[in-house]
Protein backbone atom coordinates (compact mmCIF):
# COMPACT_ATOMS: atom_id res chain seq x y z
CA UNK A 1 8.83 -21.72 17.46
CA UNK A 2 11.44 -20.28 15.03
CA UNK A 3 14.97 -19.68 16.22
CA UNK A 4 15.80 -16.14 17.32
CA UNK A 5 17.28 -14.28 14.33
CA UNK A 6 21.05 -13.92 14.40
CA UNK A 7 21.04 -11.85 11.22
CA UNK A 8 18.97 -8.73 10.59
CA UNK A 9 17.93 -8.17 7.00
CA UNK A 10 17.04 -4.58 6.16
CA UNK A 11 14.85 -4.46 3.05
CA UNK A 12 15.64 -1.56 0.70
CA UNK A 13 13.74 -2.41 -2.50
CA UNK A 14 11.01 0.16 -1.90
CA UNK A 15 13.53 3.00 -1.83
CA UNK A 16 16.90 2.00 -3.31
CA UNK A 17 15.29 -0.44 -5.71
CA UNK A 18 12.31 1.48 -7.05
CA UNK A 19 14.24 4.75 -7.45
CA UNK A 20 16.18 3.08 -10.28
CA UNK A 21 13.11 1.86 -12.13
CA UNK A 22 12.08 3.77 -15.27
CA UNK A 23 8.37 3.77 -14.42
CA UNK A 24 6.51 5.02 -11.35
CA UNK A 25 4.94 2.24 -9.29
CA UNK A 26 1.49 3.24 -7.99
CA UNK A 27 1.21 3.71 -4.23
CA UNK A 28 -1.31 0.90 -3.76
CA UNK A 29 1.07 -1.56 -5.43
CA UNK A 30 3.89 -0.45 -3.14
CA UNK A 31 1.62 -1.05 -0.15
CA UNK A 32 0.86 -4.54 -1.47
CA UNK A 33 4.62 -5.21 -1.60
CA UNK A 34 4.99 -4.02 2.01
CA UNK A 35 2.22 -6.38 3.04
CA UNK A 36 3.90 -9.29 1.24
CA UNK A 37 7.23 -8.50 2.89
CA UNK A 38 5.59 -8.35 6.32
CA UNK A 39 4.01 -11.77 5.73
CA UNK A 40 7.49 -13.07 4.91
CA UNK A 41 8.80 -11.88 8.28
CA UNK A 42 10.63 -8.74 7.17
CA UNK A 43 10.77 -6.21 10.01
CA UNK A 44 13.13 -3.44 8.88
CA UNK A 45 12.05 -1.52 5.77
CA UNK A 46 13.65 1.44 4.06
CA UNK A 47 10.18 2.43 3.00
CA UNK A 48 10.76 5.61 0.99
CA UNK A 49 12.65 8.88 0.78
CA UNK A 50 11.37 12.41 1.14
CA UNK A 51 13.18 13.93 -1.80
CA UNK A 52 12.17 16.23 -4.62
CA UNK A 53 9.69 14.53 -6.92
CA UNK A 54 11.46 16.29 -9.78
CA UNK A 55 14.74 14.65 -8.83
CA UNK A 56 13.33 11.16 -8.15
CA UNK A 57 9.76 10.95 -9.44
CA UNK A 58 9.52 7.25 -8.50
CA UNK A 59 9.45 8.32 -4.82
CA UNK A 60 7.14 11.28 -5.27
CA UNK A 61 4.37 9.61 -3.27
CA UNK A 62 6.34 9.36 -0.03
CA UNK A 63 3.67 11.00 2.14
CA UNK A 64 0.83 8.98 0.62
CA UNK A 65 2.80 5.76 0.99
CA UNK A 66 3.62 6.39 4.64
CA UNK A 67 -0.05 7.14 5.31
CA UNK A 68 -1.12 3.80 3.84
CA UNK A 69 1.50 1.25 4.88
CA UNK A 70 0.79 -1.27 7.63
CA UNK A 71 2.58 -0.45 10.88
CA UNK A 72 2.27 -3.46 13.17
CA UNK A 73 5.46 -5.50 13.30
CA UNK A 74 7.37 -3.16 10.99
CA UNK A 75 10.03 -0.50 11.46
CA UNK A 76 9.65 2.08 8.71
CA UNK A 77 12.95 3.82 8.05
CA UNK A 78 12.86 6.87 5.80
CA UNK A 79 15.78 8.46 3.99
CA UNK A 80 16.00 12.20 3.39
CA UNK A 81 18.65 14.59 2.06
CA UNK A 82 17.96 17.66 4.18
CA UNK A 83 16.07 19.34 7.02
CA UNK A 84 12.91 19.82 4.97
CA UNK A 85 12.85 16.12 4.15
CA UNK A 86 13.39 15.26 7.80
CA UNK A 87 10.43 17.41 8.83
CA UNK A 88 8.22 15.68 6.30
CA UNK A 89 9.41 12.22 7.36
CA UNK A 90 8.72 12.91 11.03
CA UNK A 91 5.28 14.31 10.21
CA UNK A 92 4.60 11.14 8.21
CA UNK A 93 5.38 8.97 11.23
CA UNK A 94 8.79 7.54 10.28
CA UNK A 95 10.12 5.16 12.92
CA UNK A 96 13.71 6.07 12.08
CA UNK A 97 15.37 8.71 9.90
CA UNK A 98 18.22 7.77 7.59
CA UNK A 99 20.74 10.43 6.58
CA UNK A 100 23.50 9.95 4.07
CA UNK A 101 26.79 11.40 2.94
CA UNK A 102 29.42 10.19 0.49
CA UNK A 103 32.97 9.32 1.47
CA UNK A 104 34.39 11.09 -1.59
CA UNK A 105 33.97 14.71 -2.57
CA UNK A 106 33.35 13.79 -6.21
CA UNK A 107 30.47 11.43 -5.47
CA UNK A 108 28.94 13.76 -2.88
CA UNK A 109 28.90 16.55 -5.45
CA UNK A 110 27.34 14.22 -8.04
CA UNK A 111 24.79 12.93 -5.56
CA UNK A 112 23.66 16.08 -3.71
CA UNK A 113 25.74 18.89 -5.27
CA UNK A 114 27.38 19.75 -1.98
CA UNK A 115 30.78 19.23 -0.38
CA UNK A 116 31.12 16.62 2.36
CA UNK A 117 31.61 19.41 4.90
CA UNK A 118 28.46 21.19 3.74
CA UNK A 119 26.48 17.95 3.94
CA UNK A 120 27.66 17.15 7.46
CA UNK A 121 27.00 20.69 8.67
CA UNK A 122 23.52 20.59 7.17
CA UNK A 123 22.75 17.29 8.87
CA UNK A 124 23.39 18.73 12.34
CA UNK A 125 19.96 20.37 12.28
CA UNK A 126 18.39 17.07 11.21
CA UNK A 127 19.87 15.29 14.23
CA UNK A 128 18.64 18.07 16.53
CA UNK A 129 15.14 17.91 15.05
CA UNK A 130 15.01 14.12 15.35
CA UNK A 131 16.19 14.24 18.97
CA UNK A 132 13.50 16.78 19.85
CA UNK A 133 10.89 14.35 18.48
CA UNK A 134 12.58 11.27 19.98
CA UNK A 135 13.05 9.71 16.55
CA UNK A 136 16.29 7.72 16.18
CA UNK A 137 18.66 8.45 13.31
CA UNK A 138 20.83 6.10 11.29
CA UNK A 139 23.46 7.17 8.78
CA UNK A 140 24.79 5.82 5.50
CA UNK A 141 28.27 6.51 4.16
CA UNK A 142 28.17 5.99 0.40
CA UNK A 143 31.19 4.85 -1.66
CA UNK A 144 32.90 3.79 1.57
CA UNK A 145 34.97 1.19 -0.30
CA UNK A 146 35.73 3.12 -3.47
CA UNK A 147 34.42 5.88 -5.72
CA UNK A 148 33.77 5.60 -9.47
CA UNK A 149 35.23 9.08 -9.99
CA UNK A 150 38.01 9.21 -7.39
CA UNK A 151 39.03 5.57 -6.98
CA UNK A 152 39.90 4.01 -3.62
CA UNK A 153 38.81 6.02 -0.59
CA UNK A 154 41.21 5.99 2.39
CA UNK A 155 39.79 4.35 5.52
CA UNK A 156 40.86 7.41 7.51
CA UNK A 157 38.57 9.63 5.41
CA UNK A 158 35.61 7.33 6.00
CA UNK A 159 36.41 7.10 9.71
CA UNK A 160 36.46 10.89 10.07
CA UNK A 161 32.95 11.06 8.60
CA UNK A 162 31.74 8.14 10.73
CA UNK A 163 33.06 9.74 13.92
CA UNK A 164 31.29 13.01 13.17
CA UNK A 165 28.03 11.18 12.43
CA UNK A 166 28.35 9.15 15.63
CA UNK A 167 28.98 12.28 17.69
CA UNK A 168 25.93 13.90 16.12
CA UNK A 169 23.79 10.99 17.29
CA UNK A 170 23.78 8.31 14.59
CA UNK A 171 22.87 5.08 16.37
CA UNK A 172 23.79 2.94 13.38
CA UNK A 173 26.16 3.54 10.50
CA UNK A 174 25.91 1.74 7.19
CA UNK A 175 29.08 1.30 5.17
CA UNK A 176 27.95 1.23 1.54
CA UNK A 177 29.86 -0.35 -1.33
CA UNK A 178 27.90 1.83 -3.71
CA UNK A 179 30.10 0.99 -6.70
CA UNK A 180 30.80 -2.70 -6.11
CA UNK A 181 34.53 -1.99 -5.83
CA UNK A 182 35.01 -3.91 -2.59
CA UNK A 183 36.44 -7.42 -2.33
CA UNK A 184 36.17 -9.92 0.55
CA UNK A 185 39.65 -9.18 1.91
CA UNK A 186 39.03 -5.44 1.95
CA UNK A 187 35.61 -5.90 3.54
CA UNK A 188 37.18 -7.87 6.39
CA UNK A 189 39.93 -5.30 6.95
CA UNK A 190 37.60 -2.30 6.81
CA UNK A 191 35.03 -3.85 9.16
CA UNK A 192 37.77 -4.77 11.68
CA UNK A 193 39.16 -1.22 11.42
CA UNK A 194 35.79 0.38 12.19
CA UNK A 195 34.92 -2.02 14.97
CA UNK A 196 38.25 -1.16 16.60
CA UNK A 197 37.86 2.60 16.32
CA UNK A 198 34.09 2.87 16.95
CA UNK A 199 33.33 -0.11 19.21
CA UNK A 200 30.05 1.35 20.51
CA UNK A 201 28.58 1.85 17.04
CA UNK A 202 26.33 -0.65 15.28
CA UNK A 203 27.40 -1.21 11.69
CA UNK A 204 25.44 -2.39 8.68
CA UNK A 205 26.70 -3.30 5.20
CA UNK A 206 25.08 -2.20 1.94
CA UNK A 207 26.65 -4.08 -0.97
CA UNK A 208 26.02 -3.55 -4.66
CA UNK A 209 26.73 -6.38 -7.06
CA UNK A 210 28.39 -4.48 -9.91
CA UNK A 211 31.17 -7.03 -10.30
CA UNK A 212 29.40 -10.18 -9.16
CA UNK A 213 31.12 -10.68 -5.79
CA UNK A 214 28.67 -8.96 -3.45
CA UNK A 215 27.62 -12.25 -1.85
CA UNK A 216 31.26 -13.11 -1.12
CA UNK A 217 31.65 -9.62 0.34
CA UNK A 218 28.58 -10.12 2.50
CA UNK A 219 29.94 -13.40 3.84
CA UNK A 220 33.27 -11.71 4.60
CA UNK A 221 31.37 -9.03 6.51
CA UNK A 222 29.52 -11.70 8.48
CA UNK A 223 32.80 -13.42 9.38
CA UNK A 224 34.12 -10.04 10.53
CA UNK A 225 31.17 -9.62 12.92
CA UNK A 226 28.51 -7.73 10.94
CA UNK A 227 24.99 -8.94 11.72
CA UNK A 228 22.88 -6.42 9.77
CA UNK A 229 22.77 -6.25 5.98
CA UNK A 230 20.81 -4.27 3.41
CA UNK A 231 19.20 -6.41 0.72
CA UNK A 232 16.63 -5.74 -1.98
CA UNK A 233 13.66 -7.84 -3.03
CA UNK A 234 14.49 -9.51 -6.33
CA UNK A 235 17.89 -7.80 -6.38
CA UNK A 236 16.63 -4.53 -7.88
CA UNK A 237 18.37 -1.20 -7.42
CA UNK A 238 21.71 0.50 -7.87
CA UNK A 239 23.01 4.02 -7.42
CA UNK A 240 21.73 6.41 -10.16
CA UNK A 241 24.99 8.37 -9.90
CA UNK A 242 27.31 5.42 -10.56
CA UNK A 243 28.08 4.63 -14.21
CA UNK A 244 26.64 1.27 -15.32
CA UNK A 245 25.42 0.52 -11.79
CA UNK A 246 24.16 -2.98 -11.03
CA UNK A 247 21.62 -3.97 -8.44
CA UNK A 248 21.66 -5.05 -4.81
CA UNK A 249 21.82 -8.53 -3.38
CA UNK A 250 18.43 -10.23 -3.55
CA UNK A 251 16.78 -10.66 -0.17
CA UNK A 252 15.77 -14.29 -0.80
CA UNK A 253 19.29 -15.17 -1.98
CA UNK A 254 20.85 -13.82 1.21
CA UNK A 255 18.23 -15.43 3.43
CA UNK A 256 18.77 -18.77 1.68
CA UNK A 257 22.53 -18.64 2.24
CA UNK A 258 22.26 -17.89 5.94
CA UNK A 259 19.50 -20.40 6.58
CA UNK A 260 21.49 -23.04 4.69
CA UNK A 261 24.38 -22.37 7.08
CA UNK A 262 22.10 -22.73 10.08
CA UNK A 263 22.12 -18.98 10.83
CA UNK A 264 18.54 -17.85 11.58
CA UNK A 265 17.19 -14.77 9.82
CA UNK A 266 13.61 -14.90 11.07
CA UNK A 267 12.42 -14.76 7.46
CA UNK A 268 10.12 -17.12 5.58
CA UNK A 269 11.93 -17.99 2.36
CA UNK A 270 8.81 -19.16 0.53
CA UNK A 271 7.15 -15.87 1.45
CA UNK A 272 10.13 -13.91 0.14
CA UNK A 273 9.93 -15.76 -3.17
CA UNK A 274 6.22 -14.96 -3.41
CA UNK A 275 6.95 -11.31 -2.69
CA UNK A 276 9.69 -11.28 -5.34
CA UNK A 277 7.31 -12.74 -7.91
CA UNK A 278 4.76 -10.06 -6.99
CA UNK A 279 7.44 -7.40 -7.55
CA UNK A 280 8.38 -8.94 -10.89
CA UNK A 281 4.74 -8.87 -11.98
CA UNK A 282 4.47 -5.27 -10.80
CA UNK A 283 7.56 -4.11 -12.69
CA UNK A 284 6.84 -6.30 -15.72
CA UNK A 285 10.45 -7.27 -16.35
CA UNK A 286 12.70 -10.12 -15.12
CA UNK A 287 14.54 -9.57 -11.84
CA UNK A 288 18.12 -10.70 -11.13
CA UNK A 289 17.33 -12.72 -7.97
CA UNK A 290 18.32 -16.38 -8.21
CA UNK A 291 16.35 -18.17 -5.48
CA UNK A 292 13.12 -16.69 -6.83
CA UNK A 293 13.88 -18.57 -10.06
CA UNK A 294 15.12 -21.86 -8.60
CA UNK A 295 12.65 -21.97 -5.73
CA UNK A 296 13.18 -22.29 -1.97
CA UNK A 297 13.99 -26.01 -2.05
CA UNK A 298 15.83 -27.04 1.09
CA UNK A 299 18.46 -29.74 1.45
CA UNK A 300 20.68 -30.74 4.33
CA UNK A 301 20.27 -31.05 8.08
CA UNK A 302 18.99 -27.52 8.55
CA UNK A 303 15.97 -27.93 6.31
CA UNK A 304 12.67 -29.70 6.44
């Protein structure tokens, strides 16, 4: 019997990853990817986002996708920018809603064309709607470690947003290094700061690999007490509103690192590699993931 997972991997390729792809992936191929991820032991999926198909055409099939995905053993989390999106996500049977706001005014304007205050005020109705339907809500704070337009974002600014989201009912808050500006030392300090000021809140890290140190940042977050991380199959993704954005950390790469250290993830590495190859075939271009290239060969006492 596998060890109980000590790390929770939240798979974001279907939303964060595919939204950055130039071509629309047919719904049935997305469902096949969900099935492959489930076989590999993935439980938490950011399955889609109910946004305008004009704004993000790659996610224009959100309702059809949610109607066709397997449900058993999976938690389908759905991102949305507003009340209308929340209504649609709840009607589609989302297991959890995911709201988002940026930590800098400049990025929030670029992302949703609203001020931070306007975004937070607008989200109050989303929390009320979700509570009335007994659907939990998680929140993401983008550019929490630095903004491509504004530069470094003070921790106090991020904390003020996090506190308001927590008061509104966010059961989990993701701190997102949307621009890849974080470094391991800053990750450790920021995580300790938030754990001190919001001890009852569950935190997740979402780390982009713009400058090649996202894995080091993830490890620093783990050492600081984070046990949930966003990763993306094959390493695809990146924020559309960040200049020259790079992708996310590849799910198989992260799983390999933790399993090599003897930290259970509950994931089947060979299955993740198979799923990554399926995604690569679907997208018809090479993916940045490393373990999917080298293979899930195990060495050391923790492997068989």
